[in-house]
Amino acid sequence: MPVKSRKVKVKATGREEKEEKEKEWWEKILPKLPKPPRLFSSE
């Protein structure tokens, strides 16, 4: 089992849950944007 996945599951606190939802929202809207936001340029 990947440690990353387990860590995300265990540490699914309010803040991290919000970040996950925001990331999902960005992934949905990204294809509609002319340019990707610089927010994810570090990934």
PDB file of N, CA and C in Angstrom:
ATOM      1  N   MET A   1       0.850  -1.213   0.000  1.00  0.00           N
ATOM      2  CA  MET A   1       0.000   0.000   0.000  1.00  0.00           C
ATOM      3  C   MET A   1       0.877   1.251   0.000  1.00  0.00           C
ATOM      4  N   PRO A   2       0.611   2.146  -0.934  1.00  0.00           N
ATOM      5  CA  PRO A   2       1.420   3.380  -0.975  1.00  0.00           C
ATOM      6  C   PRO A   2       1.216   4.220   0.281  1.00  0.00           C
ATOM      7  N   VAL A   3       2.303   4.708   0.839  1.00  0.00           N
ATOM      8  CA  VAL A   3       2.216   5.504   2.066  1.00  0.00           C
ATOM      9  C   VAL A   3       1.427   6.775   1.808  1.00  0.00           C
ATOM     10  N   LYS A   4       1.604   7.334   0.609  1.00  0.00           N
ATOM     11  CA  LYS A   4       0.946   8.597   0.279  1.00  0.00           C
ATOM     12  C   LYS A   4      -0.577   8.465   0.413  1.00  0.00           C
ATOM     13  N   SER A   5      -1.141   7.419  -0.204  1.00  0.00           N
ATOM     14  CA  SER A   5      -2.592   7.237  -0.181  1.00  0.00           C
ATOM     15  C   SER A   5      -3.092   7.064   1.248  1.00  0.00           C
ATOM     16  N   ARG A   6      -2.359   6.246   2.036  1.00  0.00           N
ATOM     17  CA  ARG A   6      -2.784   6.012   3.411  1.00  0.00           C
ATOM     18  C   ARG A   6      -2.729   7.309   4.198  1.00  0.00           C
ATOM     19  N   LYS A   7      -1.675   8.086   3.964  1.00  0.00           N
ATOM     20  CA  LYS A   7      -1.511   9.340   4.696  1.00  0.00           C
ATOM     21  C   LYS A   7      -2.675  10.284   4.384  1.00  0.00           C
ATOM     22  N   VAL A   8      -3.054  10.344   3.114  1.00  0.00           N
ATOM     23  CA  VAL A   8      -4.158  11.221   2.723  1.00  0.00           C
ATOM     24  C   VAL A   8      -5.450  10.770   3.400  1.00  0.00           C
ATOM     25  N   LYS A   9      -5.659   9.465   3.427  1.00  0.00           N
ATOM     26  CA  LYS A   9      -6.874   8.936   4.056  1.00  0.00           C
ATOM     27  C   LYS A   9      -6.907   9.270   5.544  1.00  0.00           C
ATOM     28  N   VAL A  10      -5.807   9.017   6.226  1.00  0.00           N
ATOM     29  CA  VAL A  10      -5.753   9.215   7.676  1.00  0.00           C
ATOM     30  C   VAL A  10      -5.822  10.697   8.030  1.00  0.00           C
ATOM     31  N   LYS A  11      -5.103  11.524   7.247  1.00  0.00           N
ATOM     32  CA  LYS A  11      -5.028  12.946   7.583  1.00  0.00           C
ATOM     33  C   LYS A  11      -6.050  13.769   6.798  1.00  0.00           C
ATOM     34  N   ALA A  12      -7.205  13.184   6.525  1.00  0.00           N
ATOM     35  CA  ALA A  12      -8.242  13.921   5.803  1.00  0.00           C
ATOM     36  C   ALA A  12      -8.955  14.867   6.758  1.00  0.00           C
ATOM     37  N   THR A  13      -8.231  15.870   7.229  1.00  0.00           N
ATOM     38  CA  THR A  13      -8.808  16.862   8.131  1.00  0.00           C
ATOM     39  C   THR A  13      -9.626  17.865   7.319  1.00  0.00           C
ATOM     40  N   GLY A  14     -10.291  18.781   7.997  1.00  0.00           N
ATOM     41  CA  GLY A  14     -11.122  19.769   7.318  1.00  0.00           C
ATOM     42  C   GLY A  14     -10.343  20.541   6.272  1.00  0.00           C
ATOM     43  N   ARG A  15      -9.158  20.991   6.640  1.00  0.00           N
ATOM     44  CA  ARG A  15      -8.368  21.812   5.729  1.00  0.00           C
ATOM     45  C   ARG A  15      -7.941  21.013   4.498  1.00  0.00           C
ATOM     46  N   GLU A  16      -7.470  19.795   4.720  1.00  0.00           N
ATOM     47  CA  GLU A  16      -7.003  18.984   3.595  1.00  0.00           C
ATOM     48  C   GLU A  16      -8.177  18.557   2.716  1.00  0.00           C
ATOM     49  N   GLU A  17      -9.332  18.312   3.334  1.00  0.00           N
ATOM     50  CA  GLU A  17     -10.514  17.976   2.545  1.00  0.00           C
ATOM     51  C   GLU A  17     -10.876  19.135   1.633  1.00  0.00           C
ATOM     52  N   LYS A  18     -10.800  20.353   2.175  1.00  0.00           N
ATOM     53  CA  LYS A  18     -11.110  21.535   1.374  1.00  0.00           C
ATOM     54  C   LYS A  18     -10.124  21.659   0.217  1.00  0.00           C
ATOM     55  N   GLU A  19      -8.849  21.404   0.496  1.00  0.00           N
ATOM     56  CA  GLU A  19      -7.831  21.490  -0.555  1.00  0.00           C
ATOM     57  C   GLU A  19      -8.100  20.451  -1.641  1.00  0.00           C
ATOM     58  N   GLU A  20      -8.516  19.257  -1.241  1.00  0.00           N
ATOM     59  CA  GLU A  20      -8.824  18.214  -2.216  1.00  0.00           C
ATOM     60  C   GLU A  20      -9.992  18.645  -3.100  1.00  0.00           C
ATOM     61  N   LYS A  21     -11.026  19.226  -2.487  1.00  0.00           N
ATOM     62  CA  LYS A  21     -12.185  19.666  -3.261  1.00  0.00           C
ATOM     63  C   LYS A  21     -11.798  20.795  -4.204  1.00  0.00           C
ATOM     64  N   GLU A  22     -10.937  21.704  -3.720  1.00  0.00           N
ATOM     65  CA  GLU A  22     -10.484  22.798  -4.581  1.00  0.00           C
ATOM     66  C   GLU A  22      -9.694  22.250  -5.757  1.00  0.00           C
ATOM     67  N   LYS A  23      -8.864  21.245  -5.497  1.00  0.00           N
ATOM     68  CA  LYS A  23      -8.058  20.645  -6.570  1.00  0.00           C
ATOM     69  C   LYS A  23      -8.979  19.988  -7.590  1.00  0.00           C
ATOM     70  N   GLU A  24      -9.993  19.271  -7.111  1.00  0.00           N
ATOM     71  CA  GLU A  24     -10.945  18.637  -8.026  1.00  0.00           C
ATOM     72  C   GLU A  24     -11.645  19.688  -8.870  1.00  0.00           C
ATOM     73  N   TRP A  25     -12.026  20.804  -8.239  1.00  0.00           N
ATOM     74  CA  TRP A  25     -12.691  21.892  -8.953  1.00  0.00           C
ATOM     75  C   TRP A  25     -11.783  22.467 -10.025  1.00  0.00           C
ATOM     76  N   TRP A  26     -10.510  22.672  -9.667  1.00  0.00           N
ATOM     77  CA  TRP A  26      -9.532  23.190 -10.638  1.00  0.00           C
ATOM     78  C   TRP A  26      -9.388  22.224 -11.797  1.00  0.00           C
ATOM     79  N   GLU A  27      -9.322  20.919 -11.507  1.00  0.00           N
ATOM     80  CA  GLU A  27      -9.151  19.928 -12.568  1.00  0.00           C
ATOM     81  C   GLU A  27     -10.363  19.921 -13.495  1.00  0.00           C
ATOM     82  N   LYS A  28     -11.533  20.236 -12.960  1.00  0.00           N
ATOM     83  CA  LYS A  28     -12.734  20.302 -13.800  1.00  0.00           C
ATOM     84  C   LYS A  28     -12.711  21.540 -14.685  1.00  0.00           C
ATOM     85  N   ILE A  29     -12.270  22.670 -14.115  1.00  0.00           N
ATOM     86  CA  ILE A  29     -12.340  23.939 -14.840  1.00  0.00           C
ATOM     87  C   ILE A  29     -11.107  24.208 -15.704  1.00  0.00           C
ATOM     88  N   LEU A  30     -10.000  23.560 -15.388  1.00  0.00           N
ATOM     89  CA  LEU A  30      -8.751  23.797 -16.129  1.00  0.00           C
ATOM     90  C   LEU A  30      -8.906  23.679 -17.644  1.00  0.00           C
ATOM     91  N   PRO A  31      -9.537  22.614 -18.161  1.00  0.00           N
ATOM     92  CA  PRO A  31      -9.657  22.487 -19.616  1.00  0.00           C
ATOM     93  C   PRO A  31     -10.409  23.650 -20.259  1.00  0.00           C
ATOM     94  N   LYS A  32     -11.221  24.353 -19.480  1.00  0.00           N
ATOM     95  CA  LYS A  32     -12.000  25.469 -20.028  1.00  0.00           C
ATOM     96  C   LYS A  32     -11.213  26.775 -20.017  1.00  0.00           C
ATOM     97  N   LEU A  33     -10.103  26.797 -19.258  1.00  0.00           N
ATOM     98  CA  LEU A  33      -9.307  28.020 -19.177  1.00  0.00           C
ATOM     99  C   LEU A  33      -8.292  28.088 -20.309  1.00  0.00           C
ATOM    100  N   PRO A  34      -8.006  29.305 -20.798  1.00  0.00           N
ATOM    101  CA  PRO A  34      -6.999  29.470 -21.853  1.00  0.00           C
ATOM    102  C   PRO A  34      -5.606  29.096 -21.373  1.00  0.00           C
ATOM    103  N   LYS A  35      -5.298  29.432 -20.121  1.00  0.00           N
ATOM    104  CA  LYS A  35      -3.989  29.092 -19.542  1.00  0.00           C
ATOM    105  C   LYS A  35      -4.193  28.510 -18.154  1.00  0.00           C
ATOM    106  N   PRO A  36      -3.407  27.495 -17.792  1.00  0.00           N
ATOM    107  CA  PRO A  36      -3.512  26.950 -16.442  1.00  0.00           C
ATOM    108  C   PRO A  36      -3.036  27.960 -15.408  1.00  0.00           C
ATOM    109  N   PRO A  37      -3.676  28.012 -14.242  1.00  0.00           N
ATOM    110  CA  PRO A  37      -3.249  28.941 -13.194  1.00  0.00           C
ATOM    111  C   PRO A  37      -1.859  28.589 -12.689  1.00  0.00           C
ATOM    112  N   ARG A  38      -1.102  29.603 -12.287  1.00  0.00           N
ATOM    113  CA  ARG A  38       0.266  29.370 -11.815  1.00  0.00           C
ATOM    114  C   ARG A  38       0.265  28.577 -10.506  1.00  0.00           C
ATOM    115  N   LEU A  39      -0.887  28.438  -9.891  1.00  0.00           N
ATOM    116  CA  LEU A  39      -1.021  27.716  -8.631  1.00  0.00           C
ATOM    117  C   LEU A  39      -0.407  26.319  -8.719  1.00  0.00           C
ATOM    118  N   PHE A  40      -0.603  25.653  -9.868  1.00  0.00           N
ATOM    119  CA  PHE A  40      -0.156  24.270 -10.001  1.00  0.00           C
ATOM    120  C   PHE A  40       1.155  24.142 -10.762  1.00  0.00           C
ATOM    121  N   SER A  41       1.821  25.262 -11.050  1.00  0.00           N
ATOM    122  CA  SER A  41       3.072  25.198 -11.811  1.00  0.00           C
ATOM    123  C   SER A  41       4.174  24.517 -11.008  1.00  0.00           C
ATOM    124  N   SER A  42       4.029  24.491  -9.683  1.00  0.00           N
ATOM    125  CA  SER A  42       5.070  23.900  -8.835  1.00  0.00           C
ATOM    126  C   SER A  42       4.976  22.378  -8.832  1.00  0.00           C
ATOM    127  N   GLU A  43       3.792  21.829  -9.123  1.00  0.00           N
ATOM    128  CA  GLU A  43       3.616  20.380  -9.093  1.00  0.00           C
ATOM    129  C   GLU A  43       4.342  19.731 -10.262  1.00  0.00           C
TER     130      GLU A  43
END
